[in-house]
N, C-alpha and C. Protein backbone atom coordinates (compact mmCIF):
# COMPACT_ATOMS: atom_id res chain seq x y z
N MET A 1 61.43 30.06 -36.31
CA MET A 1 61.50 29.38 -34.99
C MET A 1 60.37 29.99 -34.00
N ALA A 2 60.36 31.48 -34.04
CA ALA A 2 59.59 32.14 -33.01
C ALA A 2 58.19 31.85 -33.29
N GLU A 3 57.90 31.78 -34.61
CA GLU A 3 56.55 31.47 -34.86
C GLU A 3 56.10 30.12 -34.49
N GLN A 4 56.85 28.99 -34.76
CA GLN A 4 56.55 27.86 -34.31
C GLN A 4 56.49 27.68 -32.64
N TYR A 5 57.43 28.46 -32.01
CA TYR A 5 57.31 28.48 -30.74
C TYR A 5 55.95 29.26 -30.17
N ASP A 6 55.56 30.08 -30.75
CA ASP A 6 54.30 30.83 -30.52
C ASP A 6 53.02 29.82 -30.47
N GLU A 7 53.06 29.12 -31.57
CA GLU A 7 51.99 28.25 -31.92
C GLU A 7 51.82 27.13 -30.92
N ARG A 8 53.24 26.44 -30.43
CA ARG A 8 53.13 25.59 -29.39
C ARG A 8 52.47 26.26 -28.13
N GLU A 9 52.86 27.36 -27.72
CA GLU A 9 52.35 28.02 -26.50
C GLU A 9 50.92 28.18 -26.57
N ALA A 10 50.33 28.60 -27.86
CA ALA A 10 48.92 28.82 -27.96
C ALA A 10 48.18 27.55 -27.71
N ARG A 11 48.84 26.52 -28.39
CA ARG A 11 48.10 25.20 -28.23
C ARG A 11 48.04 24.69 -26.78
N LYS A 12 49.31 24.93 -26.10
CA LYS A 12 49.19 24.56 -24.65
C LYS A 12 48.14 25.32 -23.91
N ALA A 13 48.02 26.57 -24.16
CA ALA A 13 47.33 27.53 -23.43
C ALA A 13 45.74 27.00 -23.73
N TYR A 14 45.43 26.71 -24.92
CA TYR A 14 44.10 26.00 -25.25
C TYR A 14 43.88 24.91 -24.51
N VAL A 15 44.72 24.10 -24.45
CA VAL A 15 44.65 22.79 -23.61
C VAL A 15 44.09 23.10 -22.24
N ARG A 16 45.02 23.94 -21.64
CA ARG A 16 44.73 24.31 -20.38
C ARG A 16 43.55 24.89 -20.05
N ARG A 17 43.05 25.81 -20.88
CA ARG A 17 41.84 26.38 -20.64
C ARG A 17 40.63 25.29 -20.81
N ARG A 18 40.79 24.42 -21.70
CA ARG A 18 39.83 23.30 -21.76
C ARG A 18 39.65 22.35 -20.61
N GLN A 19 40.90 22.05 -20.01
CA GLN A 19 40.82 21.28 -18.90
C GLN A 19 40.32 22.00 -17.63
N LYS A 20 40.63 23.42 -17.51
CA LYS A 20 40.01 24.13 -16.54
C LYS A 20 38.51 23.97 -16.45
N THR A 21 38.07 24.25 -17.71
CA THR A 21 36.62 24.21 -18.07
C THR A 21 36.10 22.85 -17.75
N VAL A 22 36.69 21.84 -17.98
CA VAL A 22 36.01 20.66 -17.76
C VAL A 22 36.06 20.23 -16.13
N PHE A 23 37.31 20.45 -15.60
CA PHE A 23 37.41 20.45 -14.10
C PHE A 23 36.37 21.22 -13.29
N THR A 24 36.13 22.44 -13.82
CA THR A 24 35.16 23.37 -13.20
C THR A 24 33.81 22.55 -13.34
N VAL A 25 33.59 22.13 -14.49
CA VAL A 25 32.14 21.72 -14.55
C VAL A 25 31.89 20.28 -13.85
N ILE A 26 33.02 19.46 -13.70
CA ILE A 26 32.89 18.42 -12.84
C ILE A 26 32.89 18.65 -11.43
N GLY A 27 33.62 19.76 -11.04
CA GLY A 27 33.52 20.29 -9.59
C GLY A 27 32.22 20.57 -9.38
N ALA A 28 31.36 21.34 -10.10
CA ALA A 28 29.95 21.96 -9.99
C ALA A 28 29.09 20.94 -9.85
N VAL A 29 29.31 19.79 -10.69
CA VAL A 29 28.24 18.57 -10.48
C VAL A 29 28.42 17.83 -9.25
N LEU A 30 29.73 17.68 -8.88
CA LEU A 30 30.10 16.88 -7.48
C LEU A 30 29.31 17.74 -6.49
N VAL A 31 29.56 19.02 -6.58
CA VAL A 31 29.07 19.85 -5.46
C VAL A 31 27.43 19.70 -5.44
N VAL A 32 26.76 19.93 -6.43
CA VAL A 32 25.32 19.70 -6.38
C VAL A 32 24.92 18.38 -6.04
N ALA A 33 25.66 17.40 -6.65
CA ALA A 33 25.38 15.86 -6.03
C ALA A 33 25.34 15.74 -4.51
N MET A 34 26.39 16.46 -3.81
CA MET A 34 26.68 16.31 -2.54
C MET A 34 25.64 16.98 -1.67
N ILE A 35 25.37 18.30 -2.15
CA ILE A 35 24.15 19.03 -1.58
C ILE A 35 22.73 18.33 -1.66
N THR A 36 22.61 17.68 -2.86
CA THR A 36 21.26 16.86 -2.92
C THR A 36 21.28 15.83 -1.96
N SER A 37 22.40 15.07 -1.89
CA SER A 37 22.48 13.90 -1.01
C SER A 37 22.12 14.39 0.55
N LEU A 38 22.78 15.56 0.90
CA LEU A 38 22.45 15.88 2.24
C LEU A 38 21.12 16.31 2.32
N LEU A 39 20.48 16.89 1.45
CA LEU A 39 19.04 17.05 1.71
C LEU A 39 18.20 16.16 1.80
N PHE A 40 18.61 15.04 0.91
CA PHE A 40 17.65 13.69 1.21
C PHE A 40 18.07 13.26 2.55
N ALA A 41 19.40 13.08 2.83
CA ALA A 41 19.96 12.51 4.44
C ALA A 41 19.18 13.29 5.54
N PHE A 42 18.94 14.56 5.45
CA PHE A 42 18.52 15.37 6.61
C PHE A 42 16.82 15.39 6.45
N GLY A 43 16.35 14.84 5.33
CA GLY A 43 14.83 14.83 5.37
C GLY A 43 14.28 16.07 4.55
N VAL A 44 15.35 17.13 4.25
CA VAL A 44 14.70 18.19 3.68
C VAL A 44 13.87 18.04 2.23
N ILE A 45 14.36 17.10 1.52
CA ILE A 45 13.72 16.53 0.45
C ILE A 45 13.25 15.08 0.70
N LYS A 46 11.96 14.77 0.54
CA LYS A 46 11.22 13.62 1.01
C LYS A 46 10.86 12.83 -0.23
N VAL A 47 11.09 11.48 -0.15
CA VAL A 47 10.90 10.49 -1.18
C VAL A 47 9.17 10.19 -0.95
N ASP A 48 8.33 10.19 -1.65
CA ASP A 48 6.83 9.59 -1.69
C ASP A 48 6.96 8.09 -1.73
N LYS A 49 7.14 7.46 -0.48
CA LYS A 49 7.18 6.05 -0.64
C LYS A 49 5.98 5.38 -1.06
N GLN A 50 4.92 5.86 -0.81
CA GLN A 50 3.67 5.40 -1.25
C GLN A 50 3.50 5.53 -2.88
N ALA A 51 3.99 6.52 -3.43
CA ALA A 51 4.08 6.79 -4.94
C ALA A 51 4.98 5.71 -5.44
N GLN A 52 6.17 5.43 -4.79
CA GLN A 52 6.96 4.42 -5.26
C GLN A 52 6.21 3.00 -5.33
N ALA A 53 5.73 2.71 -4.21
CA ALA A 53 5.16 1.50 -3.97
C ALA A 53 3.93 1.33 -5.21
N ALA A 54 3.23 2.35 -5.44
CA ALA A 54 2.16 2.23 -6.23
C ALA A 54 2.72 1.67 -7.76
N VAL A 55 3.72 1.83 -8.11
CA VAL A 55 4.41 1.32 -9.43
C VAL A 55 4.98 -0.09 -9.36
N GLU A 56 4.88 -0.56 -8.21
CA GLU A 56 5.41 -2.05 -7.99
C GLU A 56 4.13 -2.98 -8.08
N PRO A 57 4.49 -4.19 -8.53
CA PRO A 57 3.35 -5.06 -8.47
C PRO A 57 2.55 -5.29 -7.22
N ASN A 58 1.30 -5.33 -7.12
CA ASN A 58 0.57 -5.33 -5.96
C ASN A 58 0.95 -4.18 -4.89
N TYR A 59 1.31 -3.01 -5.38
CA TYR A 59 1.77 -1.89 -4.68
C TYR A 59 2.75 -2.38 -3.70
N GLY A 60 3.92 -3.11 -3.94
CA GLY A 60 4.81 -3.57 -3.14
C GLY A 60 4.66 -4.53 -1.99
N VAL A 61 3.45 -5.20 -2.05
CA VAL A 61 2.98 -6.03 -0.99
C VAL A 61 3.29 -7.32 -1.66
N ALA A 62 3.83 -8.32 -0.84
CA ALA A 62 4.13 -9.79 -1.29
C ALA A 62 2.69 -10.56 -1.54
N VAL A 63 2.77 -11.32 -2.69
CA VAL A 63 1.21 -11.95 -2.84
C VAL A 63 1.72 -13.42 -3.27
N PRO A 64 1.01 -14.35 -3.05
CA PRO A 64 1.26 -15.61 -3.24
C PRO A 64 0.97 -15.99 -4.84
N CYS A 65 1.60 -16.79 -5.54
CA CYS A 65 1.32 -17.26 -6.92
C CYS A 65 -0.06 -17.92 -6.87
N ALA A 66 -0.80 -17.89 -7.94
CA ALA A 66 -2.08 -18.61 -8.07
C ALA A 66 -2.02 -20.00 -8.09
N ALA A 67 -2.94 -20.72 -7.41
CA ALA A 67 -2.85 -22.29 -7.76
C ALA A 67 -2.95 -22.71 -9.13
N LYS A 68 -2.13 -23.91 -9.36
CA LYS A 68 -2.04 -24.16 -10.66
C LYS A 68 -2.72 -25.73 -10.87
N ASN A 69 -2.96 -26.21 -12.21
CA ASN A 69 -3.40 -27.27 -12.45
C ASN A 69 -2.36 -28.53 -12.09
N GLU A 70 -2.72 -29.73 -12.11
CA GLU A 70 -1.83 -30.70 -11.75
C GLU A 70 -0.42 -30.77 -12.72
N ASP A 71 -0.63 -30.34 -14.14
CA ASP A 71 0.33 -30.23 -15.00
C ASP A 71 1.30 -28.97 -14.97
N GLY A 72 0.86 -27.98 -13.89
CA GLY A 72 1.43 -26.86 -13.74
C GLY A 72 0.94 -25.76 -14.59
N SER A 73 -0.06 -25.93 -15.30
CA SER A 73 -0.64 -24.95 -16.28
C SER A 73 -1.43 -23.94 -15.41
N ALA A 74 -1.77 -22.73 -15.95
CA ALA A 74 -2.58 -21.83 -15.31
C ALA A 74 -4.07 -22.37 -15.00
N MET A 75 -4.68 -22.14 -14.02
CA MET A 75 -6.03 -22.45 -13.93
C MET A 75 -7.00 -21.16 -14.46
N LYS A 76 -8.26 -21.43 -14.70
CA LYS A 76 -9.15 -20.29 -15.02
C LYS A 76 -9.55 -19.55 -13.95
N TRP A 77 -10.22 -18.48 -14.07
CA TRP A 77 -10.69 -17.74 -12.90
C TRP A 77 -11.79 -18.45 -12.48
N ALA A 78 -11.80 -18.18 -10.94
CA ALA A 78 -13.05 -18.89 -10.25
C ALA A 78 -14.39 -18.21 -10.55
N GLU A 79 -15.36 -19.04 -10.59
CA GLU A 79 -16.56 -18.68 -11.06
C GLU A 79 -17.05 -17.75 -9.88
N ASN A 80 -17.59 -16.53 -10.25
CA ASN A 80 -17.87 -15.38 -9.38
C ASN A 80 -18.87 -15.91 -8.13
N SER A 81 -19.83 -16.83 -8.63
CA SER A 81 -20.87 -17.21 -7.65
C SER A 81 -20.20 -17.94 -6.57
N THR A 82 -19.22 -18.69 -6.79
CA THR A 82 -18.38 -19.63 -5.90
C THR A 82 -17.52 -18.86 -4.96
N VAL A 83 -17.42 -17.42 -5.00
CA VAL A 83 -16.69 -16.58 -4.04
C VAL A 83 -17.52 -15.99 -3.07
N PRO A 84 -17.22 -16.35 -1.70
CA PRO A 84 -17.97 -15.80 -0.51
C PRO A 84 -16.99 -14.46 -0.16
N VAL A 85 -17.88 -13.44 -0.39
CA VAL A 85 -17.30 -11.95 -0.21
C VAL A 85 -17.71 -11.43 1.06
N GLU A 86 -17.01 -10.82 1.99
CA GLU A 86 -17.52 -9.83 2.92
C GLU A 86 -16.96 -8.51 2.51
N VAL A 87 -17.77 -7.62 2.50
CA VAL A 87 -17.33 -6.34 2.13
C VAL A 87 -17.55 -5.34 3.27
N LEU A 88 -16.31 -4.55 3.52
CA LEU A 88 -16.18 -3.88 4.81
C LEU A 88 -15.95 -2.39 4.44
N ASN A 89 -16.47 -1.38 5.22
CA ASN A 89 -16.09 0.08 4.93
C ASN A 89 -15.11 0.46 5.94
N GLY A 90 -13.86 0.90 5.17
CA GLY A 90 -12.81 1.39 5.86
C GLY A 90 -12.69 2.79 5.68
N THR A 91 -13.60 3.56 5.36
CA THR A 91 -13.60 4.97 5.26
C THR A 91 -14.76 5.58 6.11
N THR A 92 -14.71 6.89 6.19
CA THR A 92 -15.92 7.71 6.84
C THR A 92 -17.16 7.94 5.95
N PHE A 93 -16.95 7.46 4.75
CA PHE A 93 -18.06 7.68 3.58
C PHE A 93 -19.27 6.59 3.93
N ARG A 94 -20.11 7.25 4.49
CA ARG A 94 -21.50 6.32 4.93
C ARG A 94 -21.99 5.39 3.52
N GLY A 95 -22.28 4.30 3.70
CA GLY A 95 -22.87 3.50 2.67
C GLY A 95 -22.07 3.11 1.34
N LEU A 96 -20.62 3.28 1.75
CA LEU A 96 -19.70 3.02 0.50
C LEU A 96 -19.55 1.29 0.34
N ALA A 97 -19.71 0.82 1.76
CA ALA A 97 -19.59 -0.82 1.37
C ALA A 97 -20.77 -1.29 0.92
N ALA A 98 -21.87 -0.76 1.27
CA ALA A 98 -23.16 -1.14 0.93
C ALA A 98 -23.16 -1.07 -0.69
N ALA A 99 -22.79 0.13 -1.30
CA ALA A 99 -22.69 0.25 -2.68
C ALA A 99 -21.89 -0.71 -3.29
N VAL A 100 -20.62 -0.85 -2.86
CA VAL A 100 -19.69 -1.68 -3.45
C VAL A 100 -20.13 -3.12 -3.43
N GLY A 101 -20.86 -3.51 -2.20
CA GLY A 101 -21.45 -4.73 -2.15
C GLY A 101 -22.52 -5.13 -3.13
N GLU A 102 -23.31 -4.17 -3.51
CA GLU A 102 -24.43 -4.43 -4.55
C GLU A 102 -23.78 -4.47 -5.65
N ALA A 103 -22.70 -3.74 -6.04
CA ALA A 103 -22.12 -3.76 -7.40
C ALA A 103 -21.45 -5.21 -7.68
N LEU A 104 -21.02 -5.65 -6.58
CA LEU A 104 -20.39 -7.02 -6.59
C LEU A 104 -21.49 -8.05 -6.80
N LYS A 105 -22.66 -7.98 -6.16
CA LYS A 105 -23.76 -8.77 -6.22
C LYS A 105 -24.15 -8.88 -7.84
N ASP A 106 -24.09 -7.60 -8.24
CA ASP A 106 -24.51 -7.54 -9.73
C ASP A 106 -23.47 -8.31 -10.71
N ARG A 107 -22.34 -8.51 -10.26
CA ARG A 107 -21.33 -9.22 -10.95
C ARG A 107 -21.33 -10.76 -10.52
N GLN A 108 -22.40 -11.12 -9.82
CA GLN A 108 -22.65 -12.52 -9.27
C GLN A 108 -21.83 -12.91 -8.32
N PHE A 109 -21.10 -12.14 -7.42
CA PHE A 109 -20.42 -12.57 -6.48
C PHE A 109 -21.29 -12.85 -5.10
N ASN A 110 -21.08 -13.77 -4.31
CA ASN A 110 -21.66 -14.27 -3.26
C ASN A 110 -21.32 -13.27 -1.87
N VAL A 111 -21.92 -12.27 -1.93
CA VAL A 111 -21.75 -11.24 -1.05
C VAL A 111 -22.56 -11.87 0.40
N VAL A 112 -21.78 -12.16 1.22
CA VAL A 112 -22.27 -12.76 2.65
C VAL A 112 -22.50 -11.67 3.78
N THR A 113 -21.64 -10.69 3.64
CA THR A 113 -21.78 -9.70 4.76
C THR A 113 -21.47 -8.38 4.11
N ILE A 114 -22.01 -7.06 4.72
CA ILE A 114 -21.60 -5.85 4.42
C ILE A 114 -21.66 -5.26 5.69
N ASP A 115 -20.31 -4.60 6.10
CA ASP A 115 -20.34 -3.95 7.40
C ASP A 115 -19.37 -3.12 7.37
N ASN A 116 -18.92 -2.50 8.56
CA ASN A 116 -17.91 -1.61 8.77
C ASN A 116 -16.55 -2.30 9.13
N PHE A 117 -15.44 -1.54 8.89
CA PHE A 117 -14.14 -2.32 9.16
C PHE A 117 -13.96 -1.61 10.55
N SER A 118 -12.97 -2.29 11.15
CA SER A 118 -12.38 -1.76 12.60
C SER A 118 -11.67 -0.30 12.49
N SER A 119 -11.12 0.08 11.35
CA SER A 119 -10.46 1.22 11.07
C SER A 119 -11.20 1.99 9.92
N LYS A 120 -11.33 3.36 10.24
CA LYS A 120 -12.05 4.28 9.42
C LYS A 120 -10.89 4.97 8.60
N LYS A 121 -9.62 4.61 8.57
CA LYS A 121 -8.63 5.41 7.92
C LYS A 121 -7.78 4.62 6.84
N VAL A 122 -8.54 3.56 6.31
CA VAL A 122 -7.83 2.81 5.13
C VAL A 122 -7.67 3.51 3.89
N GLU A 123 -6.51 3.79 3.51
CA GLU A 123 -6.42 4.49 2.23
C GLU A 123 -6.72 3.72 0.85
N ARG A 124 -5.99 2.36 0.92
CA ARG A 124 -6.08 1.78 -0.20
C ARG A 124 -6.96 0.43 -0.06
N THR A 125 -7.95 0.29 -0.91
CA THR A 125 -8.82 -0.87 -0.78
C THR A 125 -7.85 -2.13 -0.73
N THR A 126 -8.27 -3.11 0.21
CA THR A 126 -7.42 -4.14 0.55
C THR A 126 -8.23 -5.53 0.43
N ILE A 127 -7.83 -6.55 -0.27
CA ILE A 127 -8.36 -7.71 -0.42
C ILE A 127 -7.52 -8.85 0.65
N TYR A 128 -8.39 -9.27 1.65
CA TYR A 128 -7.75 -10.09 2.54
C TYR A 128 -8.38 -11.53 2.20
N PHE A 129 -7.49 -12.53 2.37
CA PHE A 129 -7.82 -13.96 2.03
C PHE A 129 -6.85 -14.87 2.71
N GLY A 130 -7.17 -16.12 2.61
CA GLY A 130 -6.33 -17.21 3.29
C GLY A 130 -5.92 -18.22 2.08
N VAL A 131 -5.05 -19.28 2.52
CA VAL A 131 -4.40 -20.26 1.67
C VAL A 131 -5.50 -21.02 0.91
N ASN A 132 -6.47 -21.02 1.29
CA ASN A 132 -7.75 -21.74 0.49
C ASN A 132 -8.59 -20.89 -0.33
N ALA A 133 -8.19 -19.81 -0.41
CA ALA A 133 -9.12 -18.73 -1.46
C ALA A 133 -8.01 -17.83 -2.25
N ILE A 134 -6.87 -18.33 -2.66
CA ILE A 134 -5.97 -17.50 -3.42
C ILE A 134 -6.59 -17.28 -4.64
N ASN A 135 -7.11 -18.22 -5.52
CA ASN A 135 -7.83 -17.98 -6.85
C ASN A 135 -8.81 -17.10 -6.70
N PRO A 136 -9.70 -17.36 -5.71
CA PRO A 136 -10.93 -16.62 -5.68
C PRO A 136 -10.39 -15.02 -5.54
N ALA A 137 -9.57 -14.88 -4.42
CA ALA A 137 -8.94 -13.53 -4.26
C ALA A 137 -8.43 -12.79 -5.54
N TYR A 138 -7.61 -13.76 -6.51
CA TYR A 138 -7.22 -13.19 -7.63
C TYR A 138 -8.37 -12.71 -8.43
N THR A 139 -9.49 -13.44 -8.45
CA THR A 139 -10.59 -13.23 -9.31
C THR A 139 -11.34 -11.88 -8.97
N ILE A 140 -11.35 -11.70 -7.70
CA ILE A 140 -12.22 -10.50 -7.35
C ILE A 140 -11.29 -9.42 -7.45
N ASN A 141 -10.13 -9.57 -7.38
CA ASN A 141 -9.02 -8.37 -7.52
C ASN A 141 -9.21 -7.87 -8.89
N GLN A 142 -9.51 -8.58 -9.87
CA GLN A 142 -9.68 -8.07 -11.26
C GLN A 142 -10.73 -7.00 -11.42
N TYR A 143 -11.59 -6.99 -10.49
CA TYR A 143 -12.64 -5.86 -10.70
C TYR A 143 -12.32 -4.78 -10.01
N PHE A 144 -11.29 -4.48 -9.42
CA PHE A 144 -10.88 -3.46 -8.71
C PHE A 144 -9.65 -2.68 -9.45
N THR A 145 -9.63 -1.37 -9.43
CA THR A 145 -8.52 -0.61 -9.99
C THR A 145 -7.27 -0.24 -9.04
N ASP A 146 -7.98 -0.25 -7.69
CA ASP A 146 -6.88 0.27 -6.80
C ASP A 146 -6.55 -0.61 -5.65
N ALA A 147 -6.92 -1.90 -5.82
CA ALA A 147 -6.86 -2.74 -4.62
C ALA A 147 -5.51 -3.37 -4.30
N VAL A 148 -5.11 -3.65 -3.24
CA VAL A 148 -4.05 -4.42 -2.81
C VAL A 148 -4.14 -5.73 -2.14
N MET A 149 -3.66 -6.75 -2.53
CA MET A 149 -4.09 -8.28 -1.85
C MET A 149 -3.32 -8.50 -0.98
N LYS A 150 -3.78 -8.96 0.08
CA LYS A 150 -3.05 -9.49 1.42
C LYS A 150 -3.36 -10.79 1.94
N MET A 151 -2.55 -11.72 2.03
CA MET A 151 -2.85 -13.02 2.65
C MET A 151 -2.37 -13.14 4.05
N ASP A 152 -3.62 -13.76 4.78
CA ASP A 152 -3.30 -13.68 6.35
C ASP A 152 -3.58 -15.20 6.52
N ASP A 153 -3.38 -15.59 7.82
CA ASP A 153 -3.51 -16.97 8.17
C ASP A 153 -4.90 -17.53 8.39
N ARG A 154 -5.93 -17.03 7.82
CA ARG A 154 -7.24 -17.70 7.91
C ARG A 154 -7.16 -19.06 7.05
N GLN A 155 -8.06 -20.06 7.52
CA GLN A 155 -8.13 -21.25 6.65
C GLN A 155 -9.61 -21.39 5.83
N ASP A 156 -10.39 -20.51 6.13
CA ASP A 156 -11.62 -20.40 5.36
C ASP A 156 -11.46 -20.01 4.15
N ARG A 157 -12.58 -19.95 3.19
CA ARG A 157 -12.67 -19.60 2.06
C ARG A 157 -13.05 -17.94 1.70
N THR A 158 -13.63 -17.31 2.96
CA THR A 158 -14.02 -16.04 2.82
C THR A 158 -13.14 -15.14 2.33
N VAL A 159 -13.40 -14.31 1.38
CA VAL A 159 -12.51 -13.17 0.84
C VAL A 159 -12.96 -11.77 1.38
N ASP A 160 -12.29 -11.03 2.15
CA ASP A 160 -12.80 -10.01 2.77
C ASP A 160 -12.21 -8.70 1.85
N VAL A 161 -13.18 -7.79 1.50
CA VAL A 161 -12.82 -6.66 0.70
C VAL A 161 -13.03 -5.39 1.57
N VAL A 162 -11.87 -4.76 2.11
CA VAL A 162 -12.01 -3.56 2.92
C VAL A 162 -11.76 -2.46 1.92
N VAL A 163 -12.99 -1.63 1.54
CA VAL A 163 -13.02 -0.41 0.68
C VAL A 163 -12.20 0.73 1.41
N GLY A 164 -11.35 1.07 0.62
CA GLY A 164 -10.46 2.27 1.25
C GLY A 164 -10.80 3.55 0.48
N ALA A 165 -10.19 4.75 0.80
CA ALA A 165 -10.30 6.01 0.30
C ALA A 165 -10.07 5.93 -1.05
N SER A 166 -9.31 5.13 -1.52
CA SER A 166 -8.73 5.24 -2.88
C SER A 166 -9.89 4.56 -4.06
N PHE A 167 -10.85 3.96 -3.44
CA PHE A 167 -11.80 3.21 -4.25
C PHE A 167 -12.66 4.30 -5.22
N ASN A 168 -12.77 3.92 -6.36
CA ASN A 168 -13.44 4.93 -7.59
C ASN A 168 -14.69 4.18 -8.08
N ASP A 169 -14.21 2.91 -8.77
CA ASP A 169 -15.44 2.18 -9.45
C ASP A 169 -14.87 0.87 -9.45
N LEU A 170 -15.76 -0.17 -9.88
CA LEU A 170 -15.42 -1.45 -10.37
C LEU A 170 -15.36 -1.53 -11.74
N ARG A 171 -14.42 -2.40 -12.34
CA ARG A 171 -14.46 -2.65 -13.82
C ARG A 171 -15.73 -3.35 -14.07
N SER A 172 -16.03 -3.29 -15.36
CA SER A 172 -17.26 -4.00 -15.93
C SER A 172 -16.85 -5.46 -16.19
N GLU A 173 -17.79 -6.24 -16.45
CA GLU A 173 -17.47 -7.51 -16.62
C GLU A 173 -17.01 -7.65 -18.11
N LYS A 174 -17.19 -6.75 -19.01
CA LYS A 174 -16.55 -6.91 -20.37
C LYS A 174 -15.07 -6.35 -20.20
N GLU A 175 -14.75 -5.47 -19.32
CA GLU A 175 -13.28 -5.12 -19.15
C GLU A 175 -12.54 -6.33 -18.38
N VAL A 176 -13.04 -7.06 -17.61
CA VAL A 176 -12.56 -8.18 -16.89
C VAL A 176 -12.26 -9.31 -17.81
N LYS A 177 -13.03 -9.55 -18.76
CA LYS A 177 -12.83 -10.72 -19.81
C LYS A 177 -11.78 -10.55 -20.52
N LYS A 178 -11.35 -9.31 -20.79
CA LYS A 178 -10.30 -8.78 -21.57
C LYS A 178 -8.87 -9.35 -21.20
N GLN A 179 -8.96 -9.74 -19.74
CA GLN A 179 -7.84 -10.25 -19.26
C GLN A 179 -7.37 -11.43 -19.48
N GLY A 180 -8.29 -12.25 -20.43
CA GLY A 180 -8.24 -13.65 -20.70
C GLY A 180 -8.69 -14.81 -19.91
N ASP A 181 -8.74 -16.10 -20.31
CA ASP A 181 -9.38 -17.12 -19.71
C ASP A 181 -8.83 -17.49 -18.38
N THR A 182 -7.51 -17.30 -18.30
CA THR A 182 -6.82 -18.09 -17.25
C THR A 182 -6.04 -17.09 -16.34
N ILE A 183 -5.77 -17.40 -15.10
CA ILE A 183 -5.39 -16.57 -14.25
C ILE A 183 -3.64 -16.16 -14.59
N VAL A 184 -3.45 -14.92 -14.45
CA VAL A 184 -2.00 -14.50 -14.73
C VAL A 184 -1.48 -14.07 -13.37
N ASP A 185 -0.43 -14.58 -12.90
CA ASP A 185 0.41 -14.30 -11.59
C ASP A 185 0.84 -12.94 -11.81
N PHE A 186 0.89 -12.50 -10.40
CA PHE A 186 1.64 -11.09 -10.17
C PHE A 186 3.01 -11.39 -10.44
N GLU A 187 3.78 -10.26 -11.04
CA GLU A 187 5.07 -10.34 -11.07
C GLU A 187 5.85 -10.56 -9.89
N GLY A 188 6.73 -11.56 -9.64
CA GLY A 188 7.59 -11.62 -8.48
C GLY A 188 6.71 -12.24 -7.34
N CYS A 189 5.56 -12.84 -7.61
CA CYS A 189 4.82 -13.62 -6.63
C CYS A 189 5.51 -14.75 -6.04
N LYS A 190 5.08 -15.08 -4.93
CA LYS A 190 5.80 -16.17 -4.01
C LYS A 190 4.91 -17.33 -3.72
N SER A 191 5.47 -18.45 -3.42
CA SER A 191 4.79 -19.74 -3.46
C SER A 191 4.19 -19.59 -2.06
N THR A 192 3.07 -20.48 -1.71
CA THR A 192 2.36 -20.34 -0.41
C THR A 192 3.46 -20.81 0.67
N GLU A 193 4.21 -21.72 0.32
CA GLU A 193 5.13 -22.18 1.14
C GLU A 193 6.21 -21.03 1.85
N GLU A 194 6.71 -20.27 0.72
CA GLU A 194 7.35 -19.18 1.09
C GLU A 194 6.73 -18.09 1.81
N MET A 195 5.24 -17.75 1.63
CA MET A 195 4.69 -16.97 2.68
C MET A 195 4.44 -17.42 3.76
N GLN A 196 4.10 -18.74 4.02
CA GLN A 196 4.01 -19.21 5.34
C GLN A 196 5.06 -19.32 6.13
N LYS A 197 6.24 -19.61 5.37
CA LYS A 197 7.61 -19.76 6.09
C LYS A 197 7.88 -18.38 6.64
N ALA A 198 7.68 -17.23 5.95
CA ALA A 198 7.87 -16.01 6.23
C ALA A 198 7.04 -15.51 7.37
N GLY A 199 5.95 -16.10 7.55
CA GLY A 199 5.14 -15.78 8.67
C GLY A 199 3.83 -14.83 8.03
N LEU A 200 2.67 -15.40 8.22
CA LEU A 200 1.50 -14.74 7.70
C LEU A 200 0.78 -13.81 8.86
N PRO A 201 0.23 -12.71 8.66
CA PRO A 201 -0.26 -11.85 9.78
C PRO A 201 -1.69 -12.58 10.25
N LYS A 202 -2.07 -12.50 11.49
CA LYS A 202 -3.10 -12.98 12.13
C LYS A 202 -4.47 -12.38 11.41
N THR A 203 -5.44 -13.19 11.01
CA THR A 203 -6.53 -12.81 10.48
C THR A 203 -7.49 -11.98 11.54
N PHE A 204 -8.42 -11.24 11.18
CA PHE A 204 -9.29 -10.72 12.12
C PHE A 204 -10.55 -11.13 12.01
N THR A 205 -11.43 -10.96 12.99
CA THR A 205 -12.72 -11.45 13.02
C THR A 205 -13.73 -11.07 11.86
N HIS A 206 -14.17 -12.21 11.00
CA HIS A 206 -15.00 -11.97 9.98
C HIS A 206 -15.92 -13.22 9.88
N THR A 207 -16.80 -13.11 8.93
CA THR A 207 -17.91 -14.01 8.51
C THR A 207 -17.25 -15.39 7.97
N VAL A 208 -17.17 -16.27 8.58
CA VAL A 208 -16.47 -17.55 8.05
C VAL A 208 -17.25 -18.48 7.04
N VAL A 209 -16.59 -18.78 5.99
CA VAL A 209 -17.39 -19.62 5.12
C VAL A 209 -16.42 -20.70 4.70
N ASN A 210 -16.67 -21.93 4.82
CA ASN A 210 -15.78 -23.03 4.51
C ASN A 210 -16.22 -23.91 3.24
């Protein structure tokens, strides 16, 4: 009987030790989680929001869906020569807009103006366009690896490319053609009606081509 009693006590002691270990581990995890939360809350640890946005479609900026054919099917890319483009330098690097403008001309785009942007602190290349140039904006965007598309309230067909500090180089014609013959919408794109209802930012002074 004594031997059975000792065995039961030993088993109970083992279970208690195991429970104590589990509770200790859980407690330690909860303490670490609480400390980490407090560090985030008080800004000791900061989240790089720009890095987060960079992994989102169009870097986290809302973009309209491309215009479709009457049957709802995707349209082909706009002919480069039909896209009026204004290239603006948004950095302190002299001659950058001119270099990008010449490269776009080599790709048959209709470059109407090369100039400086109002700000010299543009980090990411930005493509501005209006409701009448959505597909042309999609087309020119394919040539950039760093650009974000932003729709404003302009009514003309001019597409403005503000070159930012993130610009490196344009894609080649061969690389762009690998994307396929028809325009592919950005994931999570919105209808023009949704964009307009939400309110579009005012356009800035630019060369107007209708």
